Amino acid sequence: MFGYCGKILWVDLESKRSVEKPLDKKDAEQFIGGAGLAVKIHYALRSFELDAFSPKNPLVIMTGPLTATPTPGTSRVAFCAKSPLTNLWGESNSGGKLATFLKFAGWDGVVIEGRSKKPVYLKIDANGAEFFDATTLWGKGCYETQETIEKEVGGRVSTAVIGPAGENLVKFACVQVDNSRHAGRTGIGAVMGAKNLKGIAVCYDPKEKFEVKLADEKNFEEIVNNYIEIIKNDFTCNMFKELGTSAMLKLQRASGICL
């Protein structure tokens, strides 16, 4: 399938096992990656019937069909679960390297089920998932946790971790990705905490990294180059590049969106 690796990694924290499952081509066509595929998986598992902190509430981490291509703005990764904050659909996304590293490792996404008896973190690569004891990391902040995991795993690695808020099931706890990015909405960090999942480290071998196949490379490159030029000359894009989200604060206050 163009744009996809064609497989998803399913991880069971209780049994400490992981298994590869093929991505259904029809699902890829109908739900187009990212949160769309996550919705399909959650609905099939009927997570809407579960408590958000139930071990059966799956954490679905998903990439999109343009991830790991030269297309700007496609490095986002979607974290999806039933939200402990709203008790409804929970979806949050983050920048950083995680989405691209998942694709390079050969995975369109990861579905994490169950609850570990003790704190753990996952190392994910082309071979699947390994489980590492995170007892000594429990209670530590995101930066220290991330630094420790990176040293232990070594090599090219992208991480997603939680801090004490997630561990203590604070309903708006976020997930920190690669030291400076955050999946900050709907309490996904608390879902990880309920699973005793301290963090995730994704690695890939540069010599064996998955290459995304394109249906029409020449036209794709032309479209991407045109898109880049539009972005370079767009006022809003440049404003956010220079000032970040705070650039919208004055406008939002004036319109009553925020106080």
C-alpha atoms as a PDB file:
ATOM      1  CA  MET A   1       0.000   0.000   0.000  1.00  0.00           C
ATOM      2  CA  PHE A   2       1.327   3.420  -0.900  1.00  0.00           C
ATOM      3  CA  GLY A   3       1.988   5.594   2.139  1.00  0.00           C
ATOM      4  CA  TYR A   4       1.744   2.746   4.640  1.00  0.00           C
ATOM      5  CA  CYS A   5       3.996   0.124   6.170  1.00  0.00           C
ATOM      6  CA  GLY A   6       1.063  -2.281   6.098  1.00  0.00           C
ATOM      7  CA  LYS A   7       1.308  -3.467   9.694  1.00  0.00           C
ATOM      8  CA  ILE A   8       0.462  -2.426  13.261  1.00  0.00           C
ATOM      9  CA  LEU A   9       2.175  -3.552  16.454  1.00  0.00           C
ATOM     10  CA  TRP A  10      -0.180  -4.814  19.186  1.00  0.00           C
ATOM     11  CA  VAL A  11       1.297  -4.858  22.695  1.00  0.00           C
ATOM     12  CA  ASP A  12      -0.139  -6.570  25.787  1.00  0.00           C
ATOM     13  CA  LEU A  13       1.365  -5.123  28.960  1.00  0.00           C
ATOM     14  CA  GLU A  14      -0.071  -7.859  31.169  1.00  0.00           C
ATOM     15  CA  SER A  15       1.407 -10.826  29.298  1.00  0.00           C
ATOM     16  CA  LYS A  16       4.486  -8.869  28.153  1.00  0.00           C
ATOM     17  CA  ARG A  17       3.946  -9.915  24.567  1.00  0.00           C
ATOM     18  CA  SER A  18       3.719  -8.114  21.259  1.00  0.00           C
ATOM     19  CA  VAL A  19       2.370  -9.286  17.925  1.00  0.00           C
ATOM     20  CA  GLU A  20       2.341  -7.941  14.389  1.00  0.00           C
ATOM     21  CA  LYS A  21      -1.039  -7.554  12.708  1.00  0.00           C
ATOM     22  CA  PRO A  22      -1.584  -6.514   9.086  1.00  0.00           C
ATOM     23  CA  LEU A  23      -3.218  -3.195   8.314  1.00  0.00           C
ATOM     24  CA  ASP A  24      -6.438  -3.818   6.443  1.00  0.00           C
ATOM     25  CA  LYS A  25      -6.286  -2.076   3.042  1.00  0.00           C
ATOM     26  CA  LYS A  26      -9.976  -1.192   3.188  1.00  0.00           C
ATOM     27  CA  ASP A  27      -9.517   0.418   6.612  1.00  0.00           C
ATOM     28  CA  ALA A  28      -6.576   2.446   5.290  1.00  0.00           C
ATOM     29  CA  GLU A  29      -8.689   3.699   2.389  1.00  0.00           C
ATOM     30  CA  GLN A  30     -11.731   4.545   4.512  1.00  0.00           C
ATOM     31  CA  PHE A  31     -10.073   6.011   7.605  1.00  0.00           C
ATOM     32  CA  ILE A  32      -6.842   7.490   6.160  1.00  0.00           C
ATOM     33  CA  GLY A  33      -4.389   6.930   8.984  1.00  0.00           C
ATOM     34  CA  GLY A  34      -3.803   8.882  12.179  1.00  0.00           C
ATOM     35  CA  ALA A  35      -6.814   9.395  14.436  1.00  0.00           C
ATOM     36  CA  GLY A  36      -9.084   7.930  11.743  1.00  0.00           C
ATOM     37  CA  LEU A  37      -7.555   4.474  12.045  1.00  0.00           C
ATOM     38  CA  ALA A  38      -7.452   4.861  15.831  1.00  0.00           C
ATOM     39  CA  VAL A  39     -11.223   5.473  15.877  1.00  0.00           C
ATOM     40  CA  LYS A  40     -11.774   2.324  13.832  1.00  0.00           C
ATOM     41  CA  ILE A  41      -9.668   0.251  16.245  1.00  0.00           C
ATOM     42  CA  HIS A  42     -11.357   1.699  19.338  1.00  0.00           C
ATOM     43  CA  TYR A  43     -14.833   1.149  17.955  1.00  0.00           C
ATOM     44  CA  ALA A  44     -14.043  -2.461  17.088  1.00  0.00           C
ATOM     45  CA  LEU A  45     -12.807  -2.981  20.674  1.00  0.00           C
ATOM     46  CA  ARG A  46     -15.886  -1.153  22.057  1.00  0.00           C
ATOM     47  CA  SER A  47     -13.817   1.082  24.317  1.00  0.00           C
ATOM     48  CA  PHE A  48     -16.819   3.413  24.621  1.00  0.00           C
ATOM     49  CA  GLU A  49     -18.258   0.867  27.058  1.00  0.00           C
ATOM     50  CA  LEU A  50     -15.182   0.936  29.306  1.00  0.00           C
ATOM     51  CA  ASP A  51     -13.899   3.083  32.122  1.00  0.00           C
ATOM     52  CA  ALA A  52     -11.023   5.241  30.898  1.00  0.00           C
ATOM     53  CA  PHE A  53      -8.687   3.703  33.486  1.00  0.00           C
ATOM     54  CA  SER A  54      -9.648   0.144  32.596  1.00  0.00           C
ATOM     55  CA  PRO A  55      -6.736  -2.049  31.437  1.00  0.00           C
ATOM     56  CA  LYS A  56      -8.904  -2.857  28.426  1.00  0.00           C
ATOM     57  CA  ASN A  57      -8.984   0.787  27.298  1.00  0.00           C
ATOM     58  CA  PRO A  58      -6.406   0.639  24.493  1.00  0.00           C
ATOM     59  CA  LEU A  59      -3.854   3.363  23.924  1.00  0.00           C
ATOM     60  CA  VAL A  60      -3.546   3.705  20.161  1.00  0.00           C
ATOM     61  CA  ILE A  61      -0.528   5.579  18.816  1.00  0.00           C
ATOM     62  CA  MET A  62      -0.891   6.140  15.088  1.00  0.00           C
ATOM     63  CA  THR A  63       0.940   7.734  12.168  1.00  0.00           C
ATOM     64  CA  GLY A  64      -0.534   8.897   8.844  1.00  0.00           C
ATOM     65  CA  PRO A  65       0.088   8.010   5.176  1.00  0.00           C
ATOM     66  CA  LEU A  66       2.275  11.106   4.630  1.00  0.00           C
ATOM     67  CA  THR A  67       4.462  10.445   7.678  1.00  0.00           C
ATOM     68  CA  ALA A  68       8.151   9.941   6.750  1.00  0.00           C
ATOM     69  CA  THR A  69       7.694  11.684   3.393  1.00  0.00           C
ATOM     70  CA  PRO A  70       9.083  15.174   2.584  1.00  0.00           C
ATOM     71  CA  THR A  71       5.643  16.722   3.100  1.00  0.00           C
ATOM     72  CA  PRO A  72       5.780  19.595   5.634  1.00  0.00           C
ATOM     73  CA  GLY A  73       3.730  19.283   8.807  1.00  0.00           C
ATOM     74  CA  THR A  74       3.311  15.504   8.663  1.00  0.00           C
ATOM     75  CA  SER A  75       5.533  14.527  11.590  1.00  0.00           C
ATOM     76  CA  ARG A  76       2.559  14.552  13.955  1.00  0.00           C
ATOM     77  CA  VAL A  77       1.702  11.430  15.913  1.00  0.00           C
ATOM     78  CA  ALA A  78      -1.805  10.762  17.262  1.00  0.00           C
ATOM     79  CA  PHE A  79      -2.356   9.416  20.792  1.00  0.00           C
ATOM     80  CA  CYS A  80      -5.914   8.111  21.187  1.00  0.00           C
ATOM     81  CA  ALA A  81      -7.832   6.480  24.046  1.00  0.00           C
ATOM     82  CA  LYS A  82     -11.045   6.933  25.963  1.00  0.00           C
ATOM     83  CA  SER A  83     -10.470  10.153  27.873  1.00  0.00           C
ATOM     84  CA  PRO A  84     -10.398  10.147  31.689  1.00  0.00           C
ATOM     85  CA  LEU A  85     -11.054  13.898  31.554  1.00  0.00           C
ATOM     86  CA  THR A  86     -14.321  13.801  29.597  1.00  0.00           C
ATOM     87  CA  ASN A  87     -15.172  10.088  29.664  1.00  0.00           C
ATOM     88  CA  LEU A  88     -15.606  10.485  25.898  1.00  0.00           C
ATOM     89  CA  TRP A  89     -13.307  10.113  22.902  1.00  0.00           C
ATOM     90  CA  GLY A  90      -9.759  11.199  23.761  1.00  0.00           C
ATOM     91  CA  GLU A  91      -7.377  12.366  21.062  1.00  0.00           C
ATOM     92  CA  SER A  92      -4.169  14.349  21.291  1.00  0.00           C
ATOM     93  CA  ASN A  93      -1.255  14.765  18.916  1.00  0.00           C
ATOM     94  CA  SER A  94       2.339  15.806  19.153  1.00  0.00           C
ATOM     95  CA  GLY A  95       5.242  16.820  16.979  1.00  0.00           C
ATOM     96  CA  GLY A  96       8.769  15.514  17.383  1.00  0.00           C
ATOM     97  CA  LYS A  97      10.410  12.427  15.878  1.00  0.00           C
ATOM     98  CA  LEU A  98       8.112   9.704  17.194  1.00  0.00           C
ATOM     99  CA  ALA A  99       5.828   9.361  14.164  1.00  0.00           C
ATOM    100  CA  THR A 100       8.725   9.287  11.695  1.00  0.00           C
ATOM    101  CA  PHE A 101      10.713   6.832  13.814  1.00  0.00           C
ATOM    102  CA  LEU A 102       7.691   4.487  13.995  1.00  0.00           C
ATOM    103  CA  LYS A 103       7.450   4.512  10.211  1.00  0.00           C
ATOM    104  CA  PHE A 104      11.203   4.027   9.783  1.00  0.00           C
ATOM    105  CA  ALA A 105      10.933   1.039  12.131  1.00  0.00           C
ATOM    106  CA  GLY A 106       8.217  -0.386   9.885  1.00  0.00           C
ATOM    107  CA  TRP A 107       5.063   0.329  11.908  1.00  0.00           C
ATOM    108  CA  ASP A 108       1.990   2.348  10.978  1.00  0.00           C
ATOM    109  CA  GLY A 109       1.068   2.457  14.644  1.00  0.00           C
ATOM    110  CA  VAL A 110       1.013   0.751  18.023  1.00  0.00           C
ATOM    111  CA  VAL A 111      -1.964  -0.521  20.033  1.00  0.00           C
ATOM    112  CA  ILE A 112      -1.179  -0.927  23.746  1.00  0.00           C
ATOM    113  CA  GLU A 113      -3.567  -2.984  25.862  1.00  0.00           C
ATOM    114  CA  GLY A 114      -3.609  -4.325  29.416  1.00  0.00           C
ATOM    115  CA  ARG A 115      -1.863  -3.143  32.567  1.00  0.00           C
ATOM    116  CA  SER A 116       1.593  -4.092  33.777  1.00  0.00           C
ATOM    117  CA  LYS A 117       1.887  -5.296  37.368  1.00  0.00           C
ATOM    118  CA  LYS A 118       4.989  -3.123  37.798  1.00  0.00           C
ATOM    119  CA  PRO A 119       6.083   0.097  36.072  1.00  0.00           C
ATOM    120  CA  VAL A 120       7.605  -0.554  32.651  1.00  0.00           C
ATOM    121  CA  TYR A 121       8.769   1.242  29.566  1.00  0.00           C
ATOM    122  CA  LEU A 122       8.703  -0.141  26.043  1.00  0.00           C
ATOM    123  CA  LYS A 123      11.457  -0.261  23.472  1.00  0.00           C
ATOM    124  CA  ILE A 124       9.958  -0.579  19.991  1.00  0.00           C
ATOM    125  CA  ASP A 125      11.962  -1.397  16.884  1.00  0.00           C
ATOM    126  CA  ALA A 126      11.559  -3.396  13.685  1.00  0.00           C
ATOM    127  CA  ASN A 127      11.405  -6.646  15.688  1.00  0.00           C
ATOM    128  CA  GLY A 128       8.502  -5.595  17.914  1.00  0.00           C
ATOM    129  CA  ALA A 129       8.442  -4.502  21.561  1.00  0.00           C
ATOM    130  CA  GLU A 130      10.775  -5.194  24.492  1.00  0.00           C
ATOM    131  CA  PHE A 131       9.716  -4.586  28.086  1.00  0.00           C
ATOM    132  CA  PHE A 132      12.030  -2.886  30.588  1.00  0.00           C
ATOM    133  CA  ASP A 133      11.580  -2.386  34.320  1.00  0.00           C
ATOM    134  CA  ALA A 134      10.777   1.268  35.100  1.00  0.00           C
ATOM    135  CA  THR A 135      10.404   0.951  38.877  1.00  0.00           C
ATOM    136  CA  THR A 136      13.364   3.266  39.511  1.00  0.00           C
ATOM    137  CA  LEU A 137      11.896   5.827  37.109  1.00  0.00           C
ATOM    138  CA  TRP A 138       8.471   5.909  38.808  1.00  0.00           C
ATOM    139  CA  GLY A 139       8.065   9.248  40.547  1.00  0.00           C
ATOM    140  CA  LYS A 140      10.624  11.023  38.382  1.00  0.00           C
ATOM    141  CA  GLY A 141       9.872  13.922  36.063  1.00  0.00           C
ATOM    142  CA  CYS A 142       9.666  13.741  32.280  1.00  0.00           C
ATOM    143  CA  TYR A 143      13.086  15.232  31.518  1.00  0.00           C
ATOM    144  CA  GLU A 144      14.979  12.922  33.861  1.00  0.00           C
ATOM    145  CA  THR A 145      12.964   9.918  32.664  1.00  0.00           C
ATOM    146  CA  GLN A 146      13.597  10.728  29.038  1.00  0.00           C
ATOM    147  CA  GLU A 147      17.332  11.216  29.574  1.00  0.00           C
ATOM    148  CA  THR A 148      17.613   7.913  31.449  1.00  0.00           C
ATOM    149  CA  ILE A 149      15.706   5.933  28.818  1.00  0.00           C
ATOM    150  CA  GLU A 150      17.754   7.457  26.000  1.00  0.00           C
ATOM    151  CA  LYS A 151      20.994   6.434  27.724  1.00  0.00           C
ATOM    152  CA  GLU A 152      19.758   2.922  28.443  1.00  0.00           C
ATOM    153  CA  VAL A 153      18.457   2.313  24.931  1.00  0.00           C
ATOM    154  CA  GLY A 154      21.234   4.131  23.070  1.00  0.00           C
ATOM    155  CA  GLY A 155      21.478   4.915  19.369  1.00  0.00           C
ATOM    156  CA  ARG A 156      18.766   6.700  17.410  1.00  0.00           C
ATOM    157  CA  VAL A 157      15.764   6.946  19.694  1.00  0.00           C
ATOM    158  CA  SER A 158      12.562   8.929  20.048  1.00  0.00           C
ATOM    159  CA  THR A 159      10.726   8.877  23.369  1.00  0.00           C
ATOM    160  CA  ALA A 160       7.269   9.518  24.814  1.00  0.00           C
ATOM    161  CA  VAL A 161       7.099   9.627  28.623  1.00  0.00           C
ATOM    162  CA  ILE A 162       4.916  10.657  31.547  1.00  0.00           C
ATOM    163  CA  GLY A 163       5.736  12.353  34.833  1.00  0.00           C
ATOM    164  CA  PRO A 164       4.180  12.221  38.320  1.00  0.00           C
ATOM    165  CA  ALA A 165       0.898  13.711  37.066  1.00  0.00           C
ATOM    166  CA  GLY A 166       0.301  10.779  34.746  1.00  0.00           C
ATOM    167  CA  GLU A 167       1.384   8.292  37.398  1.00  0.00           C
ATOM    168  CA  ASN A 168      -1.131   9.766  39.850  1.00  0.00           C
ATOM    169  CA  LEU A 169      -3.924   9.686  37.270  1.00  0.00           C
ATOM    170  CA  VAL A 170      -4.375  13.444  37.028  1.00  0.00           C
ATOM    171  CA  LYS A 171      -7.131  13.602  34.442  1.00  0.00           C
ATOM    172  CA  PHE A 172      -5.451  16.228  32.281  1.00  0.00           C
ATOM    173  CA  ALA A 173      -1.927  14.757  32.414  1.00  0.00           C
ATOM    174  CA  CYS A 174      -0.012  14.997  29.158  1.00  0.00           C
ATOM    175  CA  VAL A 175       2.646  12.917  27.380  1.00  0.00           C
ATOM    176  CA  GLN A 176       6.046  14.482  26.718  1.00  0.00           C
ATOM    177  CA  VAL A 177       7.636  13.611  23.378  1.00  0.00           C
ATOM    178  CA  ASP A 178      11.315  14.180  22.601  1.00  0.00           C
ATOM    179  CA  ASN A 179      12.040  16.589  25.420  1.00  0.00           C
ATOM    180  CA  SER A 180      10.003  19.547  24.138  1.00  0.00           C
ATOM    181  CA  ARG A 181       6.786  18.360  22.467  1.00  0.00           C
ATOM    182  CA  HIS A 182       3.588  17.353  24.208  1.00  0.00           C
ATOM    183  CA  ALA A 183       0.376  15.480  23.586  1.00  0.00           C
ATOM    184  CA  GLY A 184      -1.371  17.814  25.988  1.00  0.00           C
ATOM    185  CA  ARG A 185      -5.095  17.187  25.592  1.00  0.00           C
ATOM    186  CA  THR A 186      -7.674  14.734  26.977  1.00  0.00           C
ATOM    187  CA  GLY A 187      -5.494  13.166  29.685  1.00  0.00           C
ATOM    188  CA  ILE A 188      -3.565  10.609  27.632  1.00  0.00           C
ATOM    189  CA  GLY A 189      -0.764  10.754  30.211  1.00  0.00           C
ATOM    190  CA  ALA A 190      -3.174   9.455  32.857  1.00  0.00           C
ATOM    191  CA  VAL A 191      -4.120   6.544  30.585  1.00  0.00           C
ATOM    192  CA  MET A 192      -0.430   5.596  30.423  1.00  0.00           C
ATOM    193  CA  GLY A 193      -0.202   5.943  34.206  1.00  0.00           C
ATOM    194  CA  ALA A 194      -3.177   3.621  34.712  1.00  0.00           C
ATOM    195  CA  LYS A 195      -1.335   1.035  32.615  1.00  0.00           C
ATOM    196  CA  ASN A 196       1.884   1.446  34.655  1.00  0.00           C
ATOM    197  CA  LEU A 197       3.507   2.531  31.389  1.00  0.00           C
ATOM    198  CA  LYS A 198       6.205   5.097  32.176  1.00  0.00           C
ATOM    199  CA  GLY A 199       7.399   5.587  28.635  1.00  0.00           C
ATOM    200  CA  ILE A 200       7.996   4.410  25.095  1.00  0.00           C
ATOM    201  CA  ALA A 201      11.264   4.454  23.154  1.00  0.00           C
ATOM    202  CA  VAL A 202      11.216   3.928  19.381  1.00  0.00           C
ATOM    203  CA  CYS A 203      14.391   2.992  17.494  1.00  0.00           C
ATOM    204  CA  TYR A 204      15.306   2.047  13.952  1.00  0.00           C
ATOM    205  CA  ASP A 205      18.346   0.827  12.052  1.00  0.00           C
ATOM    206  CA  PRO A 206      19.332   3.396   9.364  1.00  0.00           C
ATOM    207  CA  LYS A 207      20.578   0.574   7.151  1.00  0.00           C
ATOM    208  CA  GLU A 208      17.204  -1.171   7.246  1.00  0.00           C
ATOM    209  CA  LYS A 209      14.751   1.693   7.689  1.00  0.00           C
ATOM    210  CA  PHE A 210      11.365   1.409   6.019  1.00  0.00           C
ATOM    211  CA  GLU A 211      10.992   3.586   2.912  1.00  0.00           C
ATOM    212  CA  VAL A 212       7.504   4.921   2.190  1.00  0.00           C
ATOM    213  CA  LYS A 213       6.369   4.065  -1.341  1.00  0.00           C
ATOM    214  CA  LEU A 214       4.746   6.798  -3.429  1.00  0.00           C
ATOM    215  CA  ALA A 215       2.300   6.208  -6.264  1.00  0.00           C
ATOM    216  CA  ASP A 216       3.739   9.034  -8.409  1.00  0.00           C
ATOM    217  CA  GLU A 217       7.073  10.355  -7.125  1.00  0.00           C
ATOM    218  CA  LYS A 218       7.498  13.081  -9.760  1.00  0.00           C
ATOM    219  CA  ASN A 219       4.099  14.702  -9.260  1.00  0.00           C
ATOM    220  CA  PHE A 220       4.379  14.234  -5.498  1.00  0.00           C
ATOM    221  CA  GLU A 221       7.672  16.135  -5.420  1.00  0.00           C
ATOM    222  CA  GLU A 222       6.208  18.955  -7.516  1.00  0.00           C
ATOM    223  CA  ILE A 223       3.171  19.310  -5.235  1.00  0.00           C
ATOM    224  CA  VAL A 224       5.352  19.286  -2.106  1.00  0.00           C
ATOM    225  CA  ASN A 225       7.697  21.951  -3.518  1.00  0.00           C
ATOM    226  CA  ASN A 226       4.734  24.186  -4.370  1.00  0.00           C
ATOM    227  CA  TYR A 227       3.344  23.638  -0.898  1.00  0.00           C
ATOM    228  CA  ILE A 228       6.672  24.637   0.667  1.00  0.00           C
ATOM    229  CA  GLU A 229       6.699  27.902  -1.273  1.00  0.00           C
ATOM    230  CA  ILE A 230       3.178  28.706  -0.074  1.00  0.00           C
ATOM    231  CA  ILE A 231       4.219  28.077   3.521  1.00  0.00           C
ATOM    232  CA  LYS A 232       7.332  30.272   3.196  1.00  0.00           C
ATOM    233  CA  ASN A 233       5.215  33.208   2.058  1.00  0.00           C
ATOM    234  CA  ASP A 234       2.240  32.721   4.370  1.00  0.00           C
ATOM    235  CA  PHE A 235       1.856  35.376   7.094  1.00  0.00           C
ATOM    236  CA  THR A 236       0.192  33.054   9.621  1.00  0.00           C
ATOM    237  CA  CYS A 237       2.807  30.324   9.183  1.00  0.00           C
ATOM    238  CA  ASN A 238       5.646  32.806   9.681  1.00  0.00           C
ATOM    239  CA  MET A 239       3.898  34.333  12.687  1.00  0.00           C
ATOM    240  CA  PHE A 240       3.631  30.974  14.428  1.00  0.00           C
ATOM    241  CA  LYS A 241       7.204  30.110  13.420  1.00  0.00           C
ATOM    242  CA  GLU A 242       8.529  33.231  15.158  1.00  0.00           C
ATOM    243  CA  LEU A 243       6.166  33.536  18.123  1.00  0.00           C
ATOM    244  CA  GLY A 244       4.537  30.154  18.623  1.00  0.00           C
ATOM    245  CA  THR A 245       1.000  29.705  19.941  1.00  0.00           C
ATOM    246  CA  SER A 246       1.317  32.902  22.002  1.00  0.00           C
ATOM    247  CA  ALA A 247       1.028  34.874  18.749  1.00  0.00           C
ATOM    248  CA  MET A 248      -2.729  34.229  18.834  1.00  0.00           C
ATOM    249  CA  LEU A 249      -3.255  35.314  22.442  1.00  0.00           C
ATOM    250  CA  LYS A 250      -4.182  38.945  21.753  1.00  0.00           C
ATOM    251  CA  LEU A 251      -6.585  37.977  18.959  1.00  0.00           C
ATOM    252  CA  GLN A 252      -8.163  35.237  21.044  1.00  0.00           C
ATOM    253  CA  ARG A 253      -8.679  37.551  24.005  1.00  0.00           C
ATOM    254  CA  ALA A 254     -10.264  40.180  21.768  1.00  0.00           C
ATOM    255  CA  SER A 255     -12.651  37.638  20.274  1.00  0.00           C
ATOM    256  CA  GLY A 256     -13.553  36.141  23.681  1.00  0.00           C
ATOM    257  CA  ILE A 257     -12.066  32.711  22.919  1.00  0.00           C
ATOM    258  CA  CYS A 258      -9.861  32.940  26.008  1.00  0.00           C
ATOM    259  CA  LEU A 259      -9.842  35.282  28.996  1.00  0.00           C
END
